[in-house]
Amino acid sequence: MKKIEIVYDEVLEKQVLMLLRQRGIKNYTRLDNVKGVGSSGARFNDSVAPGINSMIIIVVEDDIVPMFISGLKRFKDRAGEQAGIKAIVTSVEEFV
């Protein structure tokens, strides 16, 4: 199993949820008001670094990952370099 953490600009919420649905992913955890600094800039929801991110965490079978990541890459290609969305994939040793 794999865990995918998707950090994205909150304005992309609809597109991210659609990507999950299109891949048959129904279960997820969403964290709002996620702040930080990444390759697409700082997001602290203040006057210096406006904007805010959200994060969705999913745990899926290994065979789902390539399909999900390829869809995410296609979305990023269409949206451009500053799409404000990243995904981190890690192995899950145990899921209880």
Protein backbone atom coordinates (compact mmCIF):
# COMPACT_ATOMS: atom_id res chain seq x y z
CA MET A 1 0.00 0.00 0.00
CA LYS A 2 0.99 3.61 -0.57
CA LYS A 3 0.14 6.90 1.08
CA ILE A 4 -0.23 9.90 -1.19
CA GLU A 5 -0.17 13.36 0.36
CA ILE A 6 -1.46 16.00 -2.03
CA VAL A 7 -0.77 19.62 -1.10
CA TYR A 8 -2.56 22.14 -3.30
CA ASP A 9 -3.72 25.73 -3.52
CA GLU A 10 -7.24 25.77 -2.12
CA VAL A 11 -8.60 27.24 -5.36
CA LEU A 12 -7.86 23.83 -6.95
CA GLU A 13 -10.12 21.92 -4.53
CA LYS A 14 -12.75 21.06 -7.14
CA GLN A 15 -10.17 19.75 -9.62
CA VAL A 16 -8.38 17.66 -6.99
CA LEU A 17 -11.62 16.04 -5.82
CA MET A 18 -12.56 15.34 -9.44
CA LEU A 19 -9.19 13.66 -9.98
CA LEU A 20 -9.87 11.40 -6.99
CA ARG A 21 -13.37 10.52 -8.21
CA GLN A 22 -12.14 9.78 -11.74
CA ARG A 23 -9.68 7.27 -10.27
CA GLY A 24 -12.33 5.64 -8.08
CA ILE A 25 -10.79 6.97 -4.85
CA LYS A 26 -13.62 7.53 -2.36
CA ASN A 27 -11.83 7.68 1.00
CA TYR A 28 -9.54 10.53 1.98
CA THR A 29 -8.59 12.86 4.81
CA ARG A 30 -8.61 16.60 4.05
CA LEU A 31 -6.69 19.18 6.06
CA ASP A 32 -7.55 22.84 5.48
CA ASN A 33 -5.51 25.96 6.23
CA VAL A 34 -2.18 24.30 5.44
CA LYS A 35 0.64 26.85 5.44
CA GLY A 36 4.19 26.59 4.17
CA VAL A 37 6.82 27.44 1.58
CA GLY A 38 7.40 25.38 -1.54
CA SER A 39 8.55 25.64 -5.13
CA SER A 40 5.38 27.55 -6.07
CA GLY A 41 5.95 30.12 -3.32
CA ALA A 42 4.94 30.88 0.25
CA ARG A 43 1.36 30.44 1.45
CA PHE A 44 0.63 31.90 4.89
CA ASN A 45 -2.72 33.63 4.25
CA ASP A 46 -1.34 37.03 5.24
CA SER A 47 -0.37 40.25 3.44
CA VAL A 48 3.22 39.06 2.87
CA ALA A 49 2.37 35.57 1.57
CA PRO A 50 -1.29 35.54 0.52
CA GLY A 51 -3.08 32.32 -0.29
CA ILE A 52 -3.66 29.12 1.58
CA ASN A 53 -3.19 25.46 0.82
CA SER A 54 -5.16 22.37 1.64
CA MET A 55 -3.91 18.79 1.89
CA ILE A 56 -5.58 15.51 1.05
CA ILE A 57 -4.14 12.25 2.33
CA ILE A 58 -5.12 8.97 0.72
CA VAL A 59 -3.99 5.39 1.24
CA VAL A 60 -4.33 3.19 -1.83
CA GLU A 61 -3.19 -0.10 -3.26
CA ASP A 62 0.11 0.08 -5.15
CA ASP A 63 -1.53 -0.42 -8.56
CA ILE A 64 -3.60 2.81 -8.16
CA VAL A 65 -0.54 5.05 -7.77
CA PRO A 66 0.69 5.16 -11.41
CA MET A 67 -2.82 5.95 -12.68
CA PHE A 68 -3.28 8.71 -10.09
CA ILE A 69 0.15 10.27 -10.61
CA SER A 70 -0.21 10.26 -14.41
CA GLY A 71 -3.55 12.09 -14.06
CA LEU A 72 -1.96 14.60 -11.70
CA LYS A 73 0.92 15.20 -14.14
CA ARG A 74 -1.54 15.77 -17.01
CA PHE A 75 -3.42 18.28 -14.84
CA LYS A 76 -0.18 20.09 -13.97
CA ASP A 77 0.89 20.15 -17.63
CA ARG A 78 -2.40 21.84 -18.59
CA ALA A 79 -2.33 24.25 -15.63
CA GLY A 80 1.31 25.32 -16.02
CA GLU A 81 4.39 25.33 -13.83
CA GLN A 82 2.85 27.41 -11.05
CA ALA A 83 -0.19 25.13 -10.66
CA GLY A 84 0.31 25.02 -6.90
CA ILE A 85 -0.10 21.29 -6.48
CA LYS A 86 2.36 18.64 -5.33
CA ALA A 87 2.08 14.98 -4.36
CA ILE A 88 4.31 12.88 -2.12
CA VAL A 89 4.09 9.09 -2.32
CA THR A 90 5.38 6.92 0.53
CA SER A 91 5.11 3.26 1.42
CA VAL A 92 2.67 2.16 4.11
CA GLU A 93 3.96 -0.68 6.25
CA GLU A 94 0.72 -1.20 8.14
CA PHE A 95 -2.78 0.23 7.96
CA VAL A 96 -5.06 -0.62 10.89
